[in-house]
PDB file of N, CA and C in Angstrom:
ATOM      1  N   UNK A   1      17.058  -0.758  10.621  1.00  0.00           N
ATOM      2  CA  UNK A   1      15.789  -0.328  10.046  1.00  0.00           C
ATOM      3  C   UNK A   1      16.052   0.767   9.009  1.00  0.00           C
ATOM      4  N   UNK A   2      15.303   0.719   7.931  1.00  0.00           N
ATOM      5  CA  UNK A   2      15.435   1.717   6.879  1.00  0.00           C
ATOM      6  C   UNK A   2      14.922   3.058   7.385  1.00  0.00           C
ATOM      7  N   UNK A   3      15.417   4.101   6.745  1.00  0.00           N
ATOM      8  CA  UNK A   3      14.915   5.424   7.097  1.00  0.00           C
ATOM      9  C   UNK A   3      13.459   5.540   6.661  1.00  0.00           C
ATOM     10  N   UNK A   4      12.763   6.471   7.245  1.00  0.00           N
ATOM     11  CA  UNK A   4      11.367   6.712   6.892  1.00  0.00           C
ATOM     12  C   UNK A   4      11.236   6.996   5.401  1.00  0.00           C
ATOM     13  N   UNK A   5      12.149   7.801   4.857  1.00  0.00           N
ATOM     14  CA  UNK A   5      12.086   8.146   3.434  1.00  0.00           C
ATOM     15  C   UNK A   5      12.211   6.907   2.550  1.00  0.00           C
ATOM     16  N   UNK A   6      13.113   5.993   2.928  1.00  0.00           N
ATOM     17  CA  UNK A   6      13.295   4.782   2.133  1.00  0.00           C
ATOM     18  C   UNK A   6      12.086   3.869   2.240  1.00  0.00           C
ATOM     19  N   UNK A   7      11.525   3.746   3.428  1.00  0.00           N
ATOM     20  CA  UNK A   7      10.341   2.900   3.601  1.00  0.00           C
ATOM     21  C   UNK A   7       9.155   3.466   2.820  1.00  0.00           C
ATOM     22  N   UNK A   8       8.997   4.768   2.877  1.00  0.00           N
ATOM     23  CA  UNK A   8       7.915   5.419   2.148  1.00  0.00           C
ATOM     24  C   UNK A   8       8.125   5.269   0.640  1.00  0.00           C
ATOM     25  N   UNK A   9       9.344   5.477   0.188  1.00  0.00           N
ATOM     26  CA  UNK A   9       9.663   5.323  -1.228  1.00  0.00           C
ATOM     27  C   UNK A   9       9.419   3.904  -1.716  1.00  0.00           C
ATOM     28  N   UNK A  10       9.795   2.931  -0.899  1.00  0.00           N
ATOM     29  CA  UNK A  10       9.578   1.525  -1.250  1.00  0.00           C
ATOM     30  C   UNK A  10       8.084   1.243  -1.386  1.00  0.00           C
ATOM     31  N   UNK A  11       7.310   1.823  -0.491  1.00  0.00           N
ATOM     32  CA  UNK A  11       5.854   1.625  -0.518  1.00  0.00           C
ATOM     33  C   UNK A  11       5.255   2.237  -1.787  1.00  0.00           C
ATOM     34  N   UNK A  12       5.717   3.422  -2.145  1.00  0.00           N
ATOM     35  CA  UNK A  12       5.236   4.073  -3.371  1.00  0.00           C
ATOM     36  C   UNK A  12       5.595   3.226  -4.585  1.00  0.00           C
ATOM     37  N   UNK A  13       6.831   2.753  -4.632  1.00  0.00           N
ATOM     38  CA  UNK A  13       7.286   1.949  -5.771  1.00  0.00           C
ATOM     39  C   UNK A  13       6.469   0.668  -5.900  1.00  0.00           C
ATOM     40  N   UNK A  14       6.222   0.011  -4.779  1.00  0.00           N
ATOM     41  CA  UNK A  14       5.457  -1.234  -4.800  1.00  0.00           C
ATOM     42  C   UNK A  14       4.033  -1.000  -5.310  1.00  0.00           C
ATOM     43  N   UNK A  15       3.401   0.044  -4.820  1.00  0.00           N
ATOM     44  CA  UNK A  15       2.034   0.328  -5.248  1.00  0.00           C
ATOM     45  C   UNK A  15       1.996   0.814  -6.693  1.00  0.00           C
ATOM     46  N   UNK A  16       2.995   1.585  -7.093  1.00  0.00           N
ATOM     47  CA  UNK A  16       3.061   2.053  -8.492  1.00  0.00           C
ATOM     48  C   UNK A  16       3.107   0.851  -9.432  1.00  0.00           C
ATOM     49  N   UNK A  17       3.945  -0.114  -9.098  1.00  0.00           N
ATOM     50  CA  UNK A  17       4.040  -1.318  -9.926  1.00  0.00           C
ATOM     51  C   UNK A  17       2.728  -2.117  -9.887  1.00  0.00           C
ATOM     52  N   UNK A  18       2.084  -2.149  -8.716  1.00  0.00           N
ATOM     53  CA  UNK A  18       0.830  -2.903  -8.568  1.00  0.00           C
ATOM     54  C   UNK A  18      -0.279  -2.355  -9.462  1.00  0.00           C
ATOM     55  N   UNK A  19      -0.273  -1.046  -9.680  1.00  0.00           N
ATOM     56  CA  UNK A  19      -1.297  -0.460 -10.560  1.00  0.00           C
ATOM     57  C   UNK A  19      -0.819  -0.370 -12.009  1.00  0.00           C
ATOM     58  N   UNK A  20       0.374  -0.895 -12.278  1.00  0.00           N
ATOM     59  CA  UNK A  20       0.851  -0.994 -13.650  1.00  0.00           C
ATOM     60  C   UNK A  20       1.452   0.259 -14.243  1.00  0.00           C
ATOM     61  N   UNK A  21       2.001   1.116 -13.395  1.00  0.00           N
ATOM     62  CA  UNK A  21       2.627   2.342 -13.898  1.00  0.00           C
ATOM     63  C   UNK A  21       4.153   2.234 -13.859  1.00  0.00           C
ATOM     64  N   UNK A  22       4.786   2.822 -14.848  1.00  0.00           N
ATOM     65  CA  UNK A  22       6.237   2.985 -14.805  1.00  0.00           C
ATOM     66  C   UNK A  22       6.540   4.283 -14.055  1.00  0.00           C
ATOM     67  N   UNK A  23       7.795   4.484 -13.717  1.00  0.00           N
ATOM     68  CA  UNK A  23       8.177   5.747 -13.080  1.00  0.00           C
ATOM     69  C   UNK A  23       7.866   6.916 -14.012  1.00  0.00           C
ATOM     70  N   UNK A  24       8.111   6.735 -15.295  1.00  0.00           N
ATOM     71  CA  UNK A  24       7.852   7.814 -16.259  1.00  0.00           C
ATOM     72  C   UNK A  24       6.359   8.133 -16.336  1.00  0.00           C
ATOM     73  N   UNK A  25       5.524   7.114 -16.318  1.00  0.00           N
ATOM     74  CA  UNK A  25       4.079   7.347 -16.371  1.00  0.00           C
ATOM     75  C   UNK A  25       3.582   8.054 -15.104  1.00  0.00           C
ATOM     76  N   UNK A  26       4.095   7.637 -13.960  1.00  0.00           N
ATOM     77  CA  UNK A  26       3.708   8.302 -12.717  1.00  0.00           C
ATOM     78  C   UNK A  26       4.178   9.747 -12.738  1.00  0.00           C
ATOM     79  N   UNK A  27       5.401   9.967 -13.179  1.00  0.00           N
ATOM     80  CA  UNK A  27       5.938  11.331 -13.255  1.00  0.00           C
ATOM     81  C   UNK A  27       5.058  12.213 -14.135  1.00  0.00           C
ATOM     82  N   UNK A  28       4.617  11.671 -15.256  1.00  0.00           N
ATOM     83  CA  UNK A  28       3.755  12.442 -16.154  1.00  0.00           C
ATOM     84  C   UNK A  28       2.422  12.780 -15.473  1.00  0.00           C
ATOM     85  N   UNK A  29       1.857  11.823 -14.753  1.00  0.00           N
ATOM     86  CA  UNK A  29       0.573  12.054 -14.076  1.00  0.00           C
ATOM     87  C   UNK A  29       0.662  13.146 -13.013  1.00  0.00           C
ATOM     88  N   UNK A  30       1.826  13.255 -12.353  1.00  0.00           N
ATOM     89  CA  UNK A  30       1.953  14.245 -11.270  1.00  0.00           C
ATOM     90  C   UNK A  30       2.791  15.458 -11.688  1.00  0.00           C
ATOM     91  N   UNK A  31       3.129  15.499 -12.980  1.00  0.00           N
ATOM     92  CA  UNK A  31       3.818  16.656 -13.555  1.00  0.00           C
ATOM     93  C   UNK A  31       5.187  16.944 -12.944  1.00  0.00           C
ATOM     94  N   UNK A  32       5.999  15.873 -12.832  1.00  0.00           N
ATOM     95  CA  UNK A  32       7.395  16.024 -12.410  1.00  0.00           C
ATOM     96  C   UNK A  32       8.267  15.212 -13.357  1.00  0.00           C
ATOM     97  N   UNK A  33       9.547  15.338 -13.227  1.00  0.00           N
ATOM     98  CA  UNK A  33      10.480  14.566 -14.040  1.00  0.00           C
ATOM     99  C   UNK A  33      10.563  13.129 -13.502  1.00  0.00           C
ATOM    100  N   UNK A  34      10.804  12.154 -14.376  1.00  0.00           N
ATOM    101  CA  UNK A  34      10.955  10.769 -13.914  1.00  0.00           C
ATOM    102  C   UNK A  34      12.053  10.614 -12.854  1.00  0.00           C
ATOM    103  N   UNK A  35      13.085  11.432 -12.952  1.00  0.00           N
ATOM    104  CA  UNK A  35      14.169  11.378 -11.971  1.00  0.00           C
ATOM    105  C   UNK A  35      13.664  11.716 -10.565  1.00  0.00           C
ATOM    106  N   UNK A  36      12.673  12.592 -10.500  1.00  0.00           N
ATOM    107  CA  UNK A  36      12.100  12.961  -9.209  1.00  0.00           C
ATOM    108  C   UNK A  36      11.415  11.750  -8.586  1.00  0.00           C
ATOM    109  N   UNK A  37      10.663  11.005  -9.375  1.00  0.00           N
ATOM    110  CA  UNK A  37      10.005   9.800  -8.868  1.00  0.00           C
ATOM    111  C   UNK A  37      11.051   8.790  -8.424  1.00  0.00           C
ATOM    112  N   UNK A  38      12.093   8.629  -9.213  1.00  0.00           N
ATOM    113  CA  UNK A  38      13.182   7.707  -8.855  1.00  0.00           C
ATOM    114  C   UNK A  38      13.792   8.093  -7.510  1.00  0.00           C
ATOM    115  N   UNK A  39      14.059   9.364  -7.323  1.00  0.00           N
ATOM    116  CA  UNK A  39      14.666   9.824  -6.070  1.00  0.00           C
ATOM    117  C   UNK A  39      13.728   9.640  -4.881  1.00  0.00           C
ATOM    118  N   UNK A  40      12.437   9.881  -5.094  1.00  0.00           N
ATOM    119  CA  UNK A  40      11.463   9.678  -4.013  1.00  0.00           C
ATOM    120  C   UNK A  40      11.406   8.198  -3.652  1.00  0.00           C
ATOM    121  N   UNK A  41      11.370   7.336  -4.669  1.00  0.00           N
ATOM    122  CA  UNK A  41      11.266   5.898  -4.423  1.00  0.00           C
ATOM    123  C   UNK A  41      12.504   5.315  -3.765  1.00  0.00           C
ATOM    124  N   UNK A  42      13.655   5.916  -3.995  1.00  0.00           N
ATOM    125  CA  UNK A  42      14.879   5.420  -3.351  1.00  0.00           C
ATOM    126  C   UNK A  42      15.140   6.086  -2.007  1.00  0.00           C
ATOM    127  N   UNK A  43      14.326   7.069  -1.669  1.00  0.00           N
ATOM    128  CA  UNK A  43      14.485   7.742  -0.385  1.00  0.00           C
ATOM    129  C   UNK A  43      15.524   8.835  -0.377  1.00  0.00           C
ATOM    130  N   UNK A  44      16.048   9.184  -1.545  1.00  0.00           N
ATOM    131  CA  UNK A  44      17.070  10.232  -1.579  1.00  0.00           C
ATOM    132  C   UNK A  44      16.468  11.627  -1.716  1.00  0.00           C
ATOM    133  N   UNK A  45      15.158  11.704  -1.887  1.00  0.00           N
ATOM    134  CA  UNK A  45      14.468  12.995  -1.950  1.00  0.00           C
ATOM    135  C   UNK A  45      13.171  12.891  -1.172  1.00  0.00           C
ATOM    136  N   UNK A  46      12.847  13.927  -0.450  1.00  0.00           N
ATOM    137  CA  UNK A  46      11.586  13.993   0.274  1.00  0.00           C
ATOM    138  C   UNK A  46      10.623  14.854  -0.533  1.00  0.00           C
ATOM    139  N   UNK A  47       9.422  14.343  -0.735  1.00  0.00           N
ATOM    140  CA  UNK A  47       8.418  15.064  -1.513  1.00  0.00           C
ATOM    141  C   UNK A  47       7.607  15.972  -0.600  1.00  0.00           C
ATOM    142  N   UNK A  48       7.098  17.044  -1.173  1.00  0.00           N
ATOM    143  CA  UNK A  48       6.192  17.919  -0.428  1.00  0.00           C
ATOM    144  C   UNK A  48       4.887  17.175  -0.172  1.00  0.00           C
ATOM    145  N   UNK A  49       4.127  17.657   0.773  1.00  0.00           N
ATOM    146  CA  UNK A  49       2.834  17.037   1.067  1.00  0.00           C
ATOM    147  C   UNK A  49       1.915  17.107  -0.149  1.00  0.00           C
ATOM    148  N   UNK A  50       1.947  18.204  -0.860  1.00  0.00           N
ATOM    149  CA  UNK A  50       1.129  18.347  -2.074  1.00  0.00           C
ATOM    150  C   UNK A  50       1.501  17.278  -3.106  1.00  0.00           C
ATOM    151  N   UNK A  51       2.805  17.072  -3.320  1.00  0.00           N
ATOM    152  CA  UNK A  51       3.243  16.056  -4.275  1.00  0.00           C
ATOM    153  C   UNK A  51       2.880  14.663  -3.771  1.00  0.00           C
ATOM    154  N   UNK A  52       2.999  14.420  -2.474  1.00  0.00           N
ATOM    155  CA  UNK A  52       2.619  13.119  -1.918  1.00  0.00           C
ATOM    156  C   UNK A  52       1.131  12.851  -2.173  1.00  0.00           C
ATOM    157  N   UNK A  53       0.304  13.874  -2.033  1.00  0.00           N
ATOM    158  CA  UNK A  53      -1.133  13.723  -2.281  1.00  0.00           C
ATOM    159  C   UNK A  53      -1.388  13.397  -3.751  1.00  0.00           C
ATOM    160  N   UNK A  54      -0.669  14.051  -4.655  1.00  0.00           N
ATOM    161  CA  UNK A  54      -0.826  13.775  -6.082  1.00  0.00           C
ATOM    162  C   UNK A  54      -0.372  12.351  -6.408  1.00  0.00           C
ATOM    163  N   UNK A  55       0.739  11.950  -5.823  1.00  0.00           N
ATOM    164  CA  UNK A  55       1.252  10.598  -6.050  1.00  0.00           C
ATOM    165  C   UNK A  55       0.255   9.571  -5.528  1.00  0.00           C
ATOM    166  N   UNK A  56      -0.266   9.795  -4.335  1.00  0.00           N
ATOM    167  CA  UNK A  56      -1.204   8.819  -3.763  1.00  0.00           C
ATOM    168  C   UNK A  56      -2.449   8.680  -4.641  1.00  0.00           C
ATOM    169  N   UNK A  57      -2.941   9.782  -5.180  1.00  0.00           N
ATOM    170  CA  UNK A  57      -4.079   9.707  -6.097  1.00  0.00           C
ATOM    171  C   UNK A  57      -3.717   8.901  -7.349  1.00  0.00           C
ATOM    172  N   UNK A  58      -2.550   9.162  -7.887  1.00  0.00           N
ATOM    173  CA  UNK A  58      -2.123   8.511  -9.130  1.00  0.00           C
ATOM    174  C   UNK A  58      -1.912   7.006  -8.954  1.00  0.00           C
ATOM    175  N   UNK A  59      -1.497   6.584  -7.766  1.00  0.00           N
ATOM    176  CA  UNK A  59      -1.261   5.153  -7.542  1.00  0.00           C
ATOM    177  C   UNK A  59      -2.432   4.484  -6.807  1.00  0.00           C
ATOM    178  N   UNK A  60      -3.558   5.213  -6.778  1.00  0.00           N
ATOM    179  CA  UNK A  60      -4.810   4.677  -6.237  1.00  0.00           C
ATOM    180  C   UNK A  60      -4.697   4.285  -4.765  1.00  0.00           C
ATOM    181  N   UNK A  61      -4.081   5.155  -3.990  1.00  0.00           N
ATOM    182  CA  UNK A  61      -3.935   4.974  -2.544  1.00  0.00           C
ATOM    183  C   UNK A  61      -4.490   6.219  -1.872  1.00  0.00           C
ATOM    184  N   UNK A  62      -5.149   6.044  -0.748  1.00  0.00           N
ATOM    185  CA  UNK A  62      -5.495   7.193   0.074  1.00  0.00           C
ATOM    186  C   UNK A  62      -4.175   7.705   0.667  1.00  0.00           C
ATOM    187  N   UNK A  63      -4.073   8.989   0.863  1.00  0.00           N
ATOM    188  CA  UNK A  63      -2.826   9.566   1.376  1.00  0.00           C
ATOM    189  C   UNK A  63      -2.405   8.902   2.681  1.00  0.00           C
ATOM    190  N   UNK A  64      -3.354   8.693   3.583  1.00  0.00           N
ATOM    191  CA  UNK A  64      -2.989   8.080   4.863  1.00  0.00           C
ATOM    192  C   UNK A  64      -2.455   6.657   4.698  1.00  0.00           C
ATOM    193  N   UNK A  65      -2.865   5.966   3.618  1.00  0.00           N
ATOM    194  CA  UNK A  65      -2.383   4.614   3.380  1.00  0.00           C
ATOM    195  C   UNK A  65      -0.873   4.592   3.109  1.00  0.00           C
ATOM    196  N   UNK A  66      -0.374   5.645   2.492  1.00  0.00           N
ATOM    197  CA  UNK A  66       1.066   5.694   2.210  1.00  0.00           C
ATOM    198  C   UNK A  66       1.886   5.647   3.490  1.00  0.00           C
ATOM    199  N   UNK A  67       1.331   6.203   4.547  1.00  0.00           N
ATOM    200  CA  UNK A  67       2.088   6.315   5.792  1.00  0.00           C
ATOM    201  C   UNK A  67       1.805   5.174   6.761  1.00  0.00           C
ATOM    202  N   UNK A  68       1.031   4.207   6.354  1.00  0.00           N
ATOM    203  CA  UNK A  68       0.798   3.020   7.170  1.00  0.00           C
ATOM    204  C   UNK A  68       1.929   2.049   6.851  1.00  0.00           C
ATOM    205  N   UNK A  69       3.031   2.205   7.537  1.00  0.00           N
ATOM    206  CA  UNK A  69       4.246   1.483   7.198  1.00  0.00           C
ATOM    207  C   UNK A  69       4.395   0.244   8.077  1.00  0.00           C
ATOM    208  N   UNK A  70       3.759  -0.849   7.663  1.00  0.00           N
ATOM    209  CA  UNK A  70       3.872  -2.121   8.367  1.00  0.00           C
ATOM    210  C   UNK A  70       5.296  -2.638   8.223  1.00  0.00           C
ATOM    211  N   UNK A  71       5.629  -3.609   9.066  1.00  0.00           N
ATOM    212  CA  UNK A  71       6.910  -4.293   8.939  1.00  0.00           C
ATOM    213  C   UNK A  71       6.806  -5.239   7.750  1.00  0.00           C
ATOM    214  N   UNK A  72       7.242  -4.767   6.589  1.00  0.00           N
ATOM    215  CA  UNK A  72       7.096  -5.547   5.371  1.00  0.00           C
ATOM    216  C   UNK A  72       8.126  -6.657   5.250  1.00  0.00           C
ATOM    217  N   UNK A  73       8.954  -6.813   6.277  1.00  0.00           N
ATOM    218  CA  UNK A  73       9.909  -7.908   6.278  1.00  0.00           C
ATOM    219  C   UNK A  73       9.313  -9.154   6.918  1.00  0.00           C
ATOM    220  N   UNK A  74       8.159  -9.021   7.545  1.00  0.00           N
ATOM    221  CA  UNK A  74       7.539 -10.175   8.205  1.00  0.00           C
ATOM    222  C   UNK A  74       6.361 -10.675   7.383  1.00  0.00           C
ATOM    223  N   UNK A  75       6.119 -11.969   7.396  1.00  0.00           N
ATOM    224  CA  UNK A  75       4.967 -12.508   6.667  1.00  0.00           C
ATOM    225  C   UNK A  75       3.645 -11.894   7.138  1.00  0.00           C
ATOM    226  N   UNK A  76       3.517 -11.666   8.436  1.00  0.00           N
ATOM    227  CA  UNK A  76       2.285 -11.089   8.950  1.00  0.00           C
ATOM    228  C   UNK A  76       2.112  -9.655   8.446  1.00  0.00           C
ATOM    229  N   UNK A  77       3.167  -8.874   8.452  1.00  0.00           N
ATOM    230  CA  UNK A  77       3.104  -7.500   7.957  1.00  0.00           C
ATOM    231  C   UNK A  77       2.704  -7.441   6.487  1.00  0.00           C
ATOM    232  N   UNK A  78       3.257  -8.341   5.702  1.00  0.00           N
ATOM    233  CA  UNK A  78       2.932  -8.402   4.271  1.00  0.00           C
ATOM    234  C   UNK A  78       1.465  -8.789   4.090  1.00  0.00           C
ATOM    235  N   UNK A  79       1.011  -9.781   4.851  1.00  0.00           N
ATOM    236  CA  UNK A  79      -0.387 -10.229   4.755  1.00  0.00           C
ATOM    237  C   UNK A  79      -1.348  -9.115   5.171  1.00  0.00           C
ATOM    238  N   UNK A  80      -1.025  -8.398   6.238  1.00  0.00           N
ATOM    239  CA  UNK A  80      -1.869  -7.291   6.693  1.00  0.00           C
ATOM    240  C   UNK A  80      -1.947  -6.213   5.618  1.00  0.00           C
ATOM    241  N   UNK A  81      -0.813  -5.917   5.019  1.00  0.00           N
ATOM    242  CA  UNK A  81      -0.764  -4.911   3.965  1.00  0.00           C
ATOM    243  C   UNK A  81      -1.654  -5.298   2.794  1.00  0.00           C
ATOM    244  N   UNK A  82      -1.584  -6.540   2.365  1.00  0.00           N
ATOM    245  CA  UNK A  82      -2.417  -7.014   1.256  1.00  0.00           C
ATOM    246  C   UNK A  82      -3.899  -6.951   1.628  1.00  0.00           C
ATOM    247  N   UNK A  83      -4.210  -7.369   2.845  1.00  0.00           N
ATOM    248  CA  UNK A  83      -5.600  -7.362   3.292  1.00  0.00           C
ATOM    249  C   UNK A  83      -6.156  -5.942   3.353  1.00  0.00           C
ATOM    250  N   UNK A  84      -5.385  -5.011   3.884  1.00  0.00           N
ATOM    251  CA  UNK A  84      -5.825  -3.624   3.961  1.00  0.00           C
ATOM    252  C   UNK A  84      -6.055  -3.039   2.576  1.00  0.00           C
ATOM    253  N   UNK A  85      -5.156  -3.330   1.662  1.00  0.00           N
ATOM    254  CA  UNK A  85      -5.304  -2.819   0.303  1.00  0.00           C
ATOM    255  C   UNK A  85      -6.581  -3.369  -0.326  1.00  0.00           C
ATOM    256  N   UNK A  86      -6.824  -4.672  -0.129  1.00  0.00           N
ATOM    257  CA  UNK A  86      -7.998  -5.314  -0.707  1.00  0.00           C
ATOM    258  C   UNK A  86      -9.297  -4.739  -0.155  1.00  0.00           C
ATOM    259  N   UNK A  87      -9.430  -4.707   1.166  1.00  0.00           N
ATOM    260  CA  UNK A  87     -10.702  -4.278   1.747  1.00  0.00           C
ATOM    261  C   UNK A  87     -10.940  -2.785   1.600  1.00  0.00           C
ATOM    262  N   UNK A  88      -9.893  -2.012   1.451  1.00  0.00           N
ATOM    263  CA  UNK A  88     -10.082  -0.567   1.311  1.00  0.00           C
ATOM    264  C   UNK A  88     -10.796  -0.204   0.009  1.00  0.00           C
ATOM    265  N   UNK A  89     -10.850  -1.122  -0.917  1.00  0.00           N
ATOM    266  CA  UNK A  89     -11.507  -0.876  -2.194  1.00  0.00           C
ATOM    267  C   UNK A  89     -12.936  -1.427  -2.256  1.00  0.00           C
ATOM    268  N   UNK A  90     -13.399  -1.990  -1.143  1.00  0.00           N
ATOM    269  CA  UNK A  90     -14.731  -2.572  -1.100  1.00  0.00           C
ATOM    270  C   UNK A  90     -15.740  -1.592  -0.522  1.00  0.00           C
ATOM    271  N   UNK A  91     -16.996  -1.863  -0.811  1.00  0.00           N
ATOM    272  CA  UNK A  91     -18.075  -1.069  -0.215  1.00  0.00           C
ATOM    273  C   UNK A  91     -18.264  -1.522   1.234  1.00  0.00           C
ATOM    274  N   UNK A  92     -18.942  -0.717   2.052  1.00  0.00           N
ATOM    275  CA  UNK A  92     -19.196  -1.146   3.436  1.00  0.00           C
ATOM    276  C   UNK A  92     -19.919  -2.495   3.509  1.00  0.00           C
ATOM    277  N   UNK A  93     -20.883  -2.724   2.629  1.00  0.00           N
ATOM    278  CA  UNK A  93     -21.601  -4.001   2.637  1.00  0.00           C
ATOM    279  C   UNK A  93     -20.666  -5.165   2.287  1.00  0.00           C
ATOM    280  N   UNK A  94     -19.785  -4.939   1.329  1.00  0.00           N
ATOM    281  CA  UNK A  94     -18.827  -5.994   0.952  1.00  0.00           C
ATOM    282  C   UNK A  94     -17.846  -6.276   2.090  1.00  0.00           C
ATOM    283  N   UNK A  95     -17.432  -5.237   2.787  1.00  0.00           N
ATOM    284  CA  UNK A  95     -16.527  -5.418   3.927  1.00  0.00           C
ATOM    285  C   UNK A  95     -17.210  -6.252   5.006  1.00  0.00           C
ATOM    286  N   UNK A  96     -18.472  -5.950   5.284  1.00  0.00           N
ATOM    287  CA  UNK A  96     -19.228  -6.730   6.273  1.00  0.00           C
ATOM    288  C   UNK A  96     -19.312  -8.194   5.847  1.00  0.00           C
ATOM    289  N   UNK A  97     -19.548  -8.432   4.557  1.00  0.00           N
ATOM    290  CA  UNK A  97     -19.619  -9.797   4.044  1.00  0.00           C
ATOM    291  C   UNK A  97     -18.276 -10.514   4.223  1.00  0.00           C
ATOM    292  N   UNK A  98     -17.182  -9.842   3.887  1.00  0.00           N
ATOM    293  CA  UNK A  98     -15.852 -10.424   4.056  1.00  0.00           C
ATOM    294  C   UNK A  98     -15.608 -10.754   5.523  1.00  0.00           C
ATOM    295  N   UNK A  99     -15.992  -9.862   6.425  1.00  0.00           N
ATOM    296  CA  UNK A  99     -15.830 -10.125   7.861  1.00  0.00           C
ATOM    297  C   UNK A  99     -16.643 -11.334   8.308  1.00  0.00           C
ATOM    298  N   UNK A 100     -17.899 -11.410   7.858  1.00  0.00           N
ATOM    299  CA  UNK A 100     -18.754 -12.540   8.241  1.00  0.00           C
ATOM    300  C   UNK A 100     -18.191 -13.864   7.722  1.00  0.00           C
ATOM    301  N   UNK A 101     -17.822 -13.892   6.459  1.00  0.00           N
ATOM    302  CA  UNK A 101     -17.287 -15.116   5.865  1.00  0.00           C
ATOM    303  C   UNK A 101     -15.951 -15.475   6.512  1.00  0.00           C
ATOM    304  N   UNK A 102     -15.084 -14.474   6.673  1.00  0.00           N
ATOM    305  CA  UNK A 102     -13.781 -14.722   7.286  1.00  0.00           C
ATOM    306  C   UNK A 102     -13.905 -15.254   8.708  1.00  0.00           C
ATOM    307  N   UNK A 103     -14.801 -14.681   9.480  1.00  0.00           N
ATOM    308  CA  UNK A 103     -15.007 -15.145  10.860  1.00  0.00           C
ATOM    309  C   UNK A 103     -15.504 -16.583  10.886  1.00  0.00           C
ATOM    310  N   UNK A 104     -16.433 -16.906   9.983  1.00  0.00           N
ATOM    311  CA  UNK A 104     -16.961 -18.267   9.922  1.00  0.00           C
ATOM    312  C   UNK A 104     -15.863 -19.260   9.537  1.00  0.00           C
ATOM    313  N   UNK A 105     -15.061 -18.904   8.555  1.00  0.00           N
ATOM    314  CA  UNK A 105     -13.986 -19.795   8.112  1.00  0.00           C
ATOM    315  C   UNK A 105     -12.958 -19.988   9.224  1.00  0.00           C
ATOM    316  N   UNK A 106     -12.518 -18.914   9.842  1.00  0.00           N
ATOM    317  CA  UNK A 106     -11.520 -19.012  10.912  1.00  0.00           C
ATOM    318  C   UNK A 106     -12.071 -19.812  12.088  1.00  0.00           C
ATOM    319  N   UNK A 107     -13.339 -19.577  12.438  1.00  0.00           N
ATOM    320  CA  UNK A 107     -13.958 -20.354  13.511  1.00  0.00           C
ATOM    321  C   UNK A 107     -13.972 -21.840  13.208  1.00  0.00           C
ATOM    322  N   UNK A 108     -14.299 -22.186  11.967  1.00  0.00           N
ATOM    323  CA  UNK A 108     -14.327 -23.590  11.568  1.00  0.00           C
ATOM    324  C   UNK A 108     -12.923 -24.193  11.598  1.00  0.00           C
ATOM    325  N   UNK A 109     -11.939 -23.471  11.083  1.00  0.00           N
ATOM    326  CA  UNK A 109     -10.555 -23.954  11.056  1.00  0.00           C
ATOM    327  C   UNK A 109     -10.059 -24.188  12.488  1.00  0.00           C
ATOM    328  N   UNK A 110     -10.366 -23.298  13.372  1.00  0.00           N
ATOM    329  CA  UNK A 110      -9.902 -23.446  14.766  1.00  0.00           C
ATOM    330  C   UNK A 110     -10.580 -24.619  15.466  1.00  0.00           C
ATOM    331  N   UNK A 111     -11.818 -24.921  15.108  1.00  0.00           N
ATOM    332  CA  UNK A 111     -12.504 -26.078  15.707  1.00  0.00           C
ATOM    333  C   UNK A 111     -11.927 -27.382  15.203  1.00  0.00           C
ATOM    334  N   UNK A 112     -11.474 -27.399  13.949  1.00  0.00           N
ATOM    335  CA  UNK A 112     -10.972 -28.618  13.326  1.00  0.00           C
ATOM    336  C   UNK A 112      -9.531 -28.904  13.737  1.00  0.00           C
ATOM    337  N   UNK A 113      -8.726 -27.861  13.957  1.00  0.00           N
ATOM    338  CA  UNK A 113      -7.315 -28.053  14.299  1.00  0.00           C
ATOM    339  C   UNK A 113      -7.187 -28.679  15.675  1.00  0.00           C
ATOM    340  N   UNK A 114      -6.234 -29.631  15.801  1.00  0.00           N
ATOM    341  CA  UNK A 114      -6.016 -30.241  17.124  1.00  0.00           C
ATOM    342  C   UNK A 114      -5.395 -29.240  18.086  1.00  0.00           C
ATOM    343  N   UNK A 115      -5.766 -29.336  19.335  1.00  0.00           N
ATOM    344  CA  UNK A 115      -5.270 -28.401  20.353  1.00  0.00           C
ATOM    345  C   UNK A 115      -3.874 -28.720  20.789  1.00  0.00           C
TER     346      UNK A 115
END
């Protein structure tokens, strides 16, 4: 298993790319050198909590989301991560709608599948 620093760095790098930022752009947003972002993303440097909060804001993640370290080596872990990212950006009403539709679809699929 990777160290906590490496897993956290990997998560930051993945989300940074997802929002379309380079390491240099992220570094500029949080007022550090690009090398600092590189070191954080590779796990060779640990960031202060203040810097982690700035990074999470810049990559459009809630701070607590950075530390939700699913097993990203498993298909289920990857799917959960994508789902959490998606629904975290919805309004409460939209989340309820997604739950209702998802439950209906899953219920229908389970009725149709042979036992």
